[in-house]
Protein backbone atom coordinates (compact mmCIF):
# COMPACT_ATOMS: atom_id res chain seq x y z
CA MET A 1 82.26 22.87 213.48
CA ILE A 2 83.10 24.96 216.43
CA SER A 3 86.92 23.17 215.79
CA VAL A 4 86.96 24.96 212.05
CA LEU A 5 85.93 27.76 213.10
CA LEU A 6 88.20 28.47 216.45
CA VAL A 7 90.70 27.22 213.86
CA GLY A 8 89.65 30.32 211.57
CA ALA A 9 89.44 32.97 214.50
CA GLY A 10 93.15 31.42 215.54
CA LEU A 11 94.29 31.95 211.48
CA ALA A 12 92.69 35.04 211.30
CA ALA A 13 94.37 36.36 214.18
CA ALA A 14 97.41 35.27 213.34
CA GLY A 15 97.50 37.04 210.19
CA LEU A 16 96.90 40.37 212.29
CA ALA A 17 100.16 40.17 213.33
CA TRP A 18 101.76 40.68 209.88
CA TYR A 19 99.93 44.21 210.09
CA PRO A 20 101.57 45.53 213.07
CA GLY A 21 100.59 49.24 211.20
CA ARG A 22 97.09 48.76 212.46
CA VAL A 23 96.72 46.21 215.28
CA ASN A 24 99.46 46.00 217.99
CA PHE A 25 101.74 43.18 217.17
CA ALA A 26 102.24 41.00 220.07
CA PHE A 27 98.67 40.94 220.98
CA SER A 28 97.38 40.00 218.19
CA LEU A 29 100.18 37.19 218.20
CA ALA A 30 99.11 36.31 222.15
CA CYS A 31 95.38 36.37 220.81
CA GLY A 32 95.70 33.94 217.64
CA LEU A 33 97.73 31.58 219.62
CA LEU A 34 94.95 31.25 222.90
CA VAL A 35 92.40 30.56 219.95
CA LEU A 36 94.66 28.14 218.16
CA ALA A 37 95.28 26.50 221.85
CA ALA A 38 91.53 26.35 222.95
CA SER A 39 90.40 25.00 219.37
CA TRP A 40 92.90 22.23 219.68
CA SER A 41 91.54 21.21 223.31
CA VAL A 42 88.11 21.16 222.46
CA HIS A 43 88.75 18.98 219.22
CA PRO A 44 92.21 17.77 218.89
CA TRP A 45 93.27 17.97 215.15
CA ARG A 46 93.73 14.56 213.38
CA LEU A 47 96.50 14.73 210.70
CA PRO A 48 95.83 12.10 207.57
CA PRO A 49 97.55 8.95 207.52
CA PRO A 50 100.52 9.02 205.27
CA PRO A 51 100.07 7.77 201.91
CA PRO A 52 101.81 4.36 201.18
CA ARG A 53 105.16 4.07 199.92
CA ASP A 54 104.47 2.51 196.53
CA TRP A 55 102.10 5.66 196.13
CA PHE A 56 105.10 7.65 196.74
CA GLY A 57 107.12 5.84 194.23
CA ARG A 58 104.42 5.90 191.13
CA LEU A 59 104.27 9.37 191.68
CA LEU A 60 107.73 10.38 191.82
CA GLY A 61 108.02 7.83 189.08
CA ARG A 62 105.38 10.09 186.87
CA TRP A 63 107.14 13.19 187.68
CA GLN A 64 110.51 12.08 186.13
CA ALA A 65 108.92 10.94 183.31
CA GLN A 66 106.71 13.98 182.27
CA PRO A 67 109.33 16.37 181.04
CA TYR A 68 110.08 13.46 178.76
CA ARG A 69 107.17 13.46 177.63
CA GLU A 70 106.42 16.92 177.14
CA ARG A 71 109.30 17.45 175.01
CA GLN A 72 108.13 14.39 172.67
CA ALA A 73 104.85 15.83 172.28
CA GLU A 74 106.80 19.61 171.76
CA LEU A 75 108.90 18.06 169.09
CA ASN A 76 105.91 16.10 167.31
CA ARG A 77 103.74 19.41 167.72
CA VAL A 78 106.61 21.38 165.84
CA ARG A 79 107.22 18.69 163.22
CA GLU A 80 103.40 18.99 162.22
CA ARG A 81 103.69 22.88 162.01
CA VAL A 82 106.69 22.76 159.77
CA MET A 83 105.38 19.94 157.52
CA GLU A 84 101.95 22.01 156.98
CA ALA A 85 103.82 24.84 155.86
CA ALA A 86 106.33 23.36 153.39
CA GLN A 87 103.04 22.40 152.05
CA ALA A 88 101.48 25.22 151.54
CA THR A 89 104.45 26.71 150.67
CA SER A 90 104.92 24.03 148.01
CA ALA A 91 101.45 24.46 146.78
CA ARG A 92 101.41 28.18 146.10
CA ALA A 93 104.88 28.25 144.46
CA VAL A 94 103.42 25.41 141.61
CA PRO A 95 100.32 25.33 139.36
CA PRO A 96 97.57 23.97 139.88
CA PRO A 97 98.09 20.38 139.85
CA ARG A 98 96.52 18.11 136.73
CA PRO A 99 94.52 14.83 138.10
CA GLU A 100 93.95 13.00 135.26
CA LEU A 101 97.81 12.92 135.28
CA ARG A 102 98.78 9.85 137.73
CA ASP A 103 101.01 6.83 137.08
CA ALA A 104 99.74 3.74 136.14
CA GLY A 105 101.84 1.88 138.07
CA HIS A 106 102.32 3.91 142.02
CA GLY A 107 99.12 6.24 141.45
CA LEU A 108 101.53 9.34 142.30
CA PRO A 109 99.71 12.43 141.49
CA SER A 110 101.14 15.17 139.38
CA SER A 111 100.78 17.48 142.51
CA GLN A 112 102.70 15.17 144.66
CA LEU A 113 105.68 15.51 142.54
CA ALA A 114 105.26 19.08 142.33
CA ARG A 115 105.14 19.31 146.19
CA HIS A 116 108.93 17.25 145.71
CA ALA A 117 110.14 19.69 143.25
CA ALA A 118 109.52 22.41 145.87
CA GLU A 119 110.37 20.62 148.97
CA LEU A 120 114.36 19.32 146.69
CA ARG A 121 114.62 23.05 145.76
CA GLY A 122 114.21 24.71 149.38
CA TYR A 123 116.72 21.83 150.78
CA ILE A 124 119.39 23.78 147.71
CA GLU A 125 118.31 27.06 148.87
CA PHE A 126 117.97 27.34 152.74
CA SER A 127 119.83 26.31 155.54
CA GLN A 128 117.11 24.74 157.80
CA THR A 129 116.80 24.94 161.70
CA LEU A 130 114.16 23.74 164.41
CA SER A 131 113.89 24.98 167.85
CA THR A 132 111.34 24.41 170.46
CA GLY A 133 111.43 25.85 174.06
CA LEU A 134 108.99 25.84 177.41
CA GLN A 135 109.09 28.01 180.45
CA GLN A 136 107.20 27.89 183.32
CA THR A 137 106.66 30.04 186.17
CA TRP A 138 104.41 30.02 189.25
CA THR A 139 104.49 32.44 192.38
CA ALA A 140 101.97 31.55 195.50
CA GLY A 141 102.01 33.65 198.88
CA ILE A 142 99.95 36.10 200.59
CA GLY A 143 100.90 39.70 200.31
CA GLY A 144 102.56 41.72 203.23
CA THR A 145 105.19 42.58 204.56
CA PHE A 146 106.81 38.78 204.83
CA PRO A 147 105.04 37.22 201.51
CA VAL A 148 105.49 33.22 200.80
CA SER A 149 105.76 32.54 197.71
CA PHE A 150 107.03 29.68 195.54
CA ALA A 151 108.40 29.43 192.11
CA ASN A 152 109.82 27.34 189.33
CA ALA A 153 111.06 27.56 185.85
CA ALA A 154 111.86 25.12 183.28
CA SER A 155 113.26 25.38 179.91
CA ARG A 156 113.74 22.69 177.21
CA GLY A 157 115.00 23.30 173.80
CA SER A 158 115.88 21.67 170.52
CA SER A 159 117.14 22.12 167.51
CA TRP A 160 118.80 20.69 163.97
CA ALA A 161 120.76 22.26 161.46
CA ARG A 162 120.86 20.82 157.94
CA GLN A 163 124.19 20.06 156.83
CA PRO A 164 124.36 21.46 152.78
CA TRP A 165 123.95 18.61 150.08
CA SER A 166 127.31 17.25 148.89
CA VAL A 167 127.40 17.22 144.62
CA PRO A 168 126.93 13.59 144.47
CA THR A 169 123.78 13.89 146.75
CA ALA A 170 122.16 16.37 144.69
CA VAL A 171 122.47 14.59 141.41
CA GLU A 172 120.56 11.59 142.89
CA GLN A 173 117.74 13.98 144.53
CA PHE A 174 117.53 14.83 140.54
CA ARG A 175 117.73 11.61 139.06
CA GLU A 176 114.97 10.63 141.37
CA LEU A 177 112.90 13.28 140.82
CA ALA A 178 113.13 12.93 137.48
CA ALA A 179 112.64 9.38 137.25
CA GLU A 180 108.92 10.49 138.99
CA ALA A 181 108.29 13.29 136.46
CA VAL A 182 108.94 10.87 133.72
CA ASN A 183 106.39 8.09 135.47
CA VAL A 184 103.68 10.85 135.59
CA HIS A 185 104.34 12.61 132.32
CA GLY A 186 105.89 9.92 129.88
CA GLY A 187 108.50 11.83 129.62
CA VAL A 188 110.88 15.13 130.31
CA ILE A 189 112.55 17.58 128.51
CA VAL A 190 114.33 19.95 130.30
CA CYS A 191 115.35 23.50 128.93
CA ILE A 192 118.90 25.18 129.36
CA ASP A 193 119.44 28.42 127.77
CA GLU A 194 122.09 31.28 127.60
CA LEU A 195 124.87 28.91 127.93
CA ASP A 196 125.59 30.33 123.85
CA LYS A 197 126.63 33.33 125.79
CA LEU A 198 129.63 32.16 127.69
CA GLU A 199 132.86 32.27 126.84
CA TYR A 200 133.95 28.91 125.30
CA ASP A 201 136.18 27.52 128.40
CA LYS A 202 133.14 28.80 130.66
CA SER A 203 130.53 26.57 129.12
CA ALA A 204 132.79 23.65 128.87
CA ALA A 205 133.15 24.08 132.66
CA PHE A 206 129.34 24.00 133.24
CA LEU A 207 128.94 21.01 131.06
CA ASN A 208 131.42 19.35 132.99
CA ASP A 209 129.62 20.39 136.59
CA ILE A 210 126.32 19.36 135.22
CA LYS A 211 126.48 16.40 132.64
CA ALA A 212 126.33 13.57 135.70
CA ILE A 213 122.64 14.53 135.82
CA PHE A 214 122.48 13.58 132.36
CA GLY A 215 121.52 10.43 130.81
CA VAL A 216 118.09 9.66 132.87
CA PRO A 217 116.10 7.34 130.69
CA GLY A 218 112.84 9.58 129.12
CA VAL A 219 114.54 12.71 130.20
CA PHE A 220 115.93 15.08 127.47
CA PHE A 221 117.85 17.94 127.57
CA LEU A 222 117.74 20.69 125.28
CA VAL A 223 120.91 23.18 125.76
CA SER A 224 121.52 26.44 123.66
CA VAL A 225 125.29 26.35 122.77
CA SER A 226 127.78 28.83 120.85
CA GLU A 227 128.64 28.72 117.60
CA ASN A 228 132.46 27.83 118.69
CA ALA A 229 131.02 24.74 120.96
CA ALA A 230 128.78 23.53 117.79
CA ALA A 231 132.21 23.70 115.75
CA GLY A 232 133.92 21.99 118.21
CA PHE A 233 131.65 19.54 118.26
CA GLU A 234 131.33 18.36 114.46
CA ARG A 235 135.58 18.12 114.35
CA ARG A 236 134.97 15.64 117.47
CA GLY A 237 137.96 12.86 117.22
CA VAL A 238 140.52 15.30 116.22
CA PRO A 239 142.27 15.85 117.85
CA PHE A 240 140.82 14.43 120.83
CA ARG A 241 137.35 14.50 122.56
CA ASP A 242 136.30 17.59 124.09
CA VAL A 243 133.51 17.51 126.84
CA PHE A 244 130.67 18.59 124.09
CA ASP A 245 131.22 15.71 122.22
CA SER A 246 131.17 13.85 125.43
CA SER A 247 127.99 15.51 127.16
CA PHE A 248 125.28 15.46 123.89
CA ASP A 249 123.76 12.90 121.44
CA ASN A 250 123.58 16.09 118.55
CA ILE A 251 123.67 19.36 118.28
CA ILE A 252 121.40 21.30 115.19
CA THR A 253 122.68 24.16 114.07
CA VAL A 254 119.90 27.02 113.47
CA GLY A 255 120.57 29.08 110.44
CA TYR A 256 119.55 32.61 109.66
CA LEU A 257 115.71 33.39 108.70
CA THR A 258 115.31 33.79 105.13
CA TRP A 259 113.40 36.13 103.34
CA GLU A 260 110.22 34.17 103.38
CA GLN A 261 110.65 32.75 107.00
CA SER A 262 110.80 36.00 107.86
CA GLN A 263 107.98 37.19 105.91
CA GLU A 264 106.17 34.26 107.72
CA LEU A 265 107.07 35.23 111.04
CA LEU A 266 105.68 39.00 110.29
CA ASN A 267 102.49 37.69 109.05
CA ARG A 268 101.60 35.88 112.48
CA LEU A 269 102.78 38.97 114.71
CA VAL A 270 101.71 41.76 112.59
CA VAL A 271 98.05 42.01 110.55
CA GLY A 272 98.61 43.24 107.51
CA MET A 273 102.65 44.71 107.18
CA PRO A 274 103.09 45.27 103.58
CA ALA A 275 105.74 43.00 101.87
CA PRO A 276 108.38 45.73 101.79
CA PHE A 277 108.11 47.22 105.13
CA ALA A 278 108.68 43.46 105.67
CA ALA A 279 111.74 42.83 103.58
CA LEU A 280 112.95 46.36 105.11
CA CYS A 281 113.13 44.57 108.59
CA HIS A 282 114.29 41.45 107.19
CA VAL A 283 117.37 43.68 105.73
CA PHE A 284 118.12 45.07 108.91
CA ALA A 285 117.84 41.89 111.20
CA GLY A 286 120.03 39.77 108.85
CA GLY A 287 117.87 36.66 109.48
CA LEU A 288 118.25 36.87 113.41
CA ALA A 289 114.41 36.51 114.85
CA ARG A 290 115.18 38.38 117.75
CA ASP A 291 116.77 41.81 116.04
CA LEU A 292 113.36 41.23 113.12
CA ILE A 293 110.74 41.58 116.10
CA ARG A 294 112.86 44.55 116.96
CA ALA A 295 113.38 46.59 113.49
CA ALA A 296 109.79 45.93 113.32
CA ARG A 297 108.64 47.73 116.54
CA SER A 298 110.51 50.15 115.02
CA VAL A 299 108.99 50.54 111.76
CA LEU A 300 105.53 50.37 113.37
CA ALA A 301 106.79 53.46 115.74
CA PHE A 302 107.56 55.91 112.64
CA GLY A 303 104.29 55.48 110.97
CA GLU A 304 102.34 58.39 110.80
CA PRO A 305 99.58 60.34 113.16
CA ASP A 306 96.77 59.06 111.57
CA GLY A 307 98.07 55.37 111.25
CA ARG A 308 99.67 54.96 107.64
CA LEU A 309 102.94 54.07 107.25
CA VAL A 310 105.36 55.26 104.58
CA LEU A 311 108.06 53.78 102.92
CA SER A 312 110.37 56.21 102.30
CA ALA A 313 110.17 57.65 105.94
CA ALA A 314 110.43 54.41 107.72
CA ALA A 315 114.01 53.64 105.49
CA THR A 316 114.99 56.88 106.18
CA ARG A 317 114.72 56.50 109.96
CA LEU A 318 115.84 52.81 110.38
CA CYS A 319 118.65 53.64 108.83
CA LEU A 320 119.59 56.97 110.11
CA ASP A 321 119.25 55.22 113.81
CA GLU A 322 121.54 52.58 112.54
CA MET A 323 123.94 54.28 111.28
CA LEU A 324 124.40 56.92 114.19
CA GLY A 325 124.24 53.74 116.67
CA LYS A 326 127.14 51.66 115.08
CA ALA A 327 128.96 54.93 114.55
CA HIS A 328 128.30 56.13 118.43
CA GLY A 329 129.44 52.13 119.23
CA VAL A 330 132.43 52.52 117.51
CA PHE A 331 133.49 55.62 118.85
CA ARG A 332 132.90 54.28 122.30
CA GLU A 333 135.22 51.50 121.49
CA LEU A 334 138.49 53.66 120.13
CA ALA A 335 138.27 55.67 123.09
CA LEU A 336 139.10 52.95 124.81
CA LEU A 337 141.96 52.32 122.78
CA GLY A 338 143.51 55.46 124.67
CA ASP A 339 147.60 53.65 123.86
CA ASP A 340 146.92 53.41 120.86
CA ALA A 341 147.99 55.93 118.28
CA PHE A 342 145.91 54.94 115.04
CA ALA A 343 142.93 54.76 116.94
CA MET A 344 142.94 57.71 118.15
CA SER A 345 143.95 59.14 114.50
CA LEU A 346 140.76 57.34 113.44
CA LEU A 347 138.27 59.12 116.30
CA ALA A 348 139.45 62.37 115.37
CA HIS A 349 138.91 61.82 111.39
CA VAL A 350 135.56 60.39 111.62
CA GLN A 351 134.85 63.40 114.45
CA SER A 352 135.59 65.85 112.17
CA SER A 353 132.71 64.63 109.59
CA ASP A 354 129.28 65.69 109.52
CA GLU A 355 126.75 63.16 110.63
CA THR A 356 124.12 64.75 109.13
CA PHE A 357 121.98 61.75 107.24
CA ARG A 358 119.50 62.24 105.09
CA GLN A 359 120.11 61.39 101.58
CA PRO A 360 121.66 58.16 99.99
CA GLY A 361 124.67 60.45 99.25
CA ASP A 362 125.10 61.18 102.43
CA TYR A 363 126.07 57.91 103.90
CA LEU A 364 128.60 57.18 100.58
CA ALA A 365 130.37 60.53 101.83
CA TRP A 366 130.80 59.22 104.90
CA SER A 367 131.95 55.82 103.37
CA GLU A 368 134.48 57.83 101.37
CA HIS A 369 135.76 59.86 104.23
CA VAL A 370 136.95 57.18 105.96
CA ALA A 371 137.98 55.09 103.40
CA ALA A 372 140.00 58.05 102.43
CA TRP A 373 141.60 57.26 105.96
CA ILE A 374 141.89 53.99 105.61
CA ARG A 375 144.00 54.46 102.36
CA GLU A 376 146.16 57.22 104.11
CA ALA A 377 147.21 55.05 106.77
CA SER A 378 147.71 52.11 105.27
CA THR A 379 150.88 53.45 103.31
CA GLY A 380 152.56 53.99 107.27
CA PRO A 381 155.21 51.77 108.06
CA ASP A 382 154.30 51.01 111.29
CA PHE A 383 150.31 50.33 110.30
CA ALA A 384 150.35 46.67 109.41
CA ALA A 385 151.92 45.63 112.78
CA ALA A 386 150.24 48.05 115.15
CA GLY A 387 147.36 49.46 113.23
CA GLY A 388 144.79 46.23 112.81
CA LYS A 389 142.20 47.67 116.00
CA ALA A 390 142.00 50.56 114.24
CA LEU A 391 141.40 49.06 110.47
CA ARG A 392 138.55 46.54 112.03
CA PHE A 393 136.71 49.79 112.96
CA ALA A 394 137.01 51.74 109.76
CA ARG A 395 135.78 48.94 107.85
CA GLU A 396 132.87 48.19 109.88
CA LEU A 397 132.24 52.08 109.88
CA ALA A 398 133.30 52.34 106.18
CA VAL A 399 130.98 49.02 105.07
CA PHE A 400 128.19 49.82 107.02
CA GLY A 401 127.69 53.63 105.54
CA TYR A 402 127.94 51.87 102.26
CA PHE A 403 125.42 49.20 103.56
CA THR A 404 122.59 51.80 104.48
CA ALA A 405 123.31 54.19 101.51
CA THR A 406 121.95 51.08 99.35
CA VAL A 407 119.13 50.13 101.91
CA GLN A 408 117.38 53.64 101.82
CA GLN A 409 118.09 54.18 97.83
CA PHE A 410 116.25 50.96 97.46
CA PHE A 411 113.21 51.53 100.10
CA THR A 412 111.42 54.27 98.59
CA ASN A 413 108.15 55.14 97.43
CA ASP A 414 109.08 54.51 94.04
CA LEU A 415 109.63 50.93 94.76
CA SER A 416 107.85 48.90 91.79
CA HIS A 417 106.38 45.68 92.31
CA SER A 418 108.25 44.31 89.38
CA VAL A 419 111.55 45.75 90.40
CA PHE A 420 110.92 44.30 94.75
CA GLU A 421 109.56 40.57 92.78
CA ALA A 422 113.29 40.63 91.23
CA ALA A 423 115.26 42.21 94.28
CA ASP A 424 117.59 39.59 95.75
CA ILE A 425 116.60 40.84 99.11
CA ASP A 426 118.34 37.93 100.51
CA ARG A 427 121.85 38.70 99.38
CA LEU A 428 121.37 42.47 101.01
CA ALA A 429 120.32 40.39 104.14
CA ARG A 430 123.58 38.50 103.97
CA ALA A 431 125.80 41.41 104.10
CA ARG A 432 124.41 42.27 107.26
CA GLN A 433 125.10 39.07 108.25
CA ALA A 434 128.46 39.46 107.46
CA MET A 435 129.26 42.81 109.13
CA ALA A 436 129.73 41.12 112.78
CA VAL A 437 132.45 38.77 110.73
CA SER A 438 133.89 40.54 107.96
CA PRO A 439 133.18 43.94 106.48
CA VAL A 440 135.03 42.89 103.68
CA VAL A 441 132.65 40.12 102.69
CA ALA A 442 129.78 42.23 103.41
CA GLU A 443 131.23 44.64 101.22
CA ARG A 444 131.01 42.40 98.05
CA TYR A 445 127.23 41.60 98.72
CA VAL A 446 126.19 44.70 98.77
CA ALA A 447 128.35 45.49 95.75
CA GLU A 448 126.21 42.51 94.14
CA PHE A 449 123.34 43.01 95.01
CA ARG A 450 123.88 47.19 93.55
CA ARG A 451 125.11 45.47 90.49
CA GLY A 452 121.89 43.90 90.00
CA PHE A 453 120.42 47.62 89.09
CA GLY A 454 122.41 48.85 85.97
CA THR A 455 121.94 52.06 86.63
CA TRP A 456 123.22 52.24 90.33
CA GLN A 457 126.81 53.80 91.40
CA VAL A 458 129.12 51.29 92.63
CA PRO A 459 132.00 52.68 94.43
CA HIS A 460 135.26 51.72 94.55
CA PRO A 461 135.92 49.22 97.96
CA VAL A 462 135.63 51.59 100.56
CA SER A 463 137.17 48.95 102.76
CA GLY A 464 140.87 49.49 101.34
CA VAL A 465 140.54 45.95 99.93
CA ALA A 466 139.82 44.90 96.32
CA GLU A 467 137.51 42.68 94.50
CA ASP A 468 139.25 39.48 92.96
């Protein structure tokens, strides 16, 4: 005990030597040394024996292996966090699982299939990088003028960059996922829409890229293609096989809606729409379901403030909007043909007319005004060689005016039930369909519809092409 006190006093005296501003440095150091010497004379200090040599070996080996074990543990923790994050992300990205849908052979739940699909999608969309790091620093010492400190720092890291999938790898992964989905649900239908919006060459190139995923048992692909692609499929083998022939088992052509089909569709969407209003929508839609819904919305928007629908008012507003939209669209196309003398002549001619459309006679006067340009321009020596584009636009304007005049003249408040039932509504709708293909054919459909009413005027062909 005495030796401990003496040693403590000596260390305290030695400590005072580090504060020369308060105590004399030499005196404090001498006192500390004397106290330490006195403590040694009273009770000699005994240092513990050195540890066995093998203890140092074990300690050294443990110290060398510790960084590797810490690194492995850190990597394992990172992998666990990444997997938890991926599972949480996939769980939010998929709908709630249906436990009843399980594969009888493997017991694969639908939620696990959805997580697998989300994981594969993440591999395609992102490049994954994982890294870990560890840094340790410690300092020990006694503050003062001559501090004693120790420091150690270590940093370890590891990272992985996932290589992007090649096309064969992506195809293989998709086919495996599709096979799993078939095991869970019994069959899968994959829909690829908007392919019909691409040009023929681009859609063919797209099919060449993806047709390797076709052919999985139980997986059916439903693809929307253009009419050109359908026509190419129907001509398969003459003179050669194209990508549509080698990719599809069958192509089903979806035709235009008939008047009865349009009426049935509108009855499911709109409660209590009268038949004449539905027929008006069908005629302007030309049998296209999407345009039918748009026309129905416009007709309902043209209703009176008290909610009543007036057939004459709805037909007048719809004809006006369609005619102005068609005219302004053609004007923009003609303005782009600045180097075409006939296009500029047509643009100046139609803009000189009055675009006030109130009565059917206004539309017929417009058609006759455009038809006059066709007759005059067609007599020129260069019209056959250079006037093709302007002639096409002129026929569209003239025939569309003829069409809208007929629609407004038919759909009035005086339309009787017998006249409505006897009218060929589908013929007028086919005129609207043919407008995008051949204005001449559309004009003939309109003329045939007008001939069904003996008192209606059937003007001479506004397209400039006489009937056979």
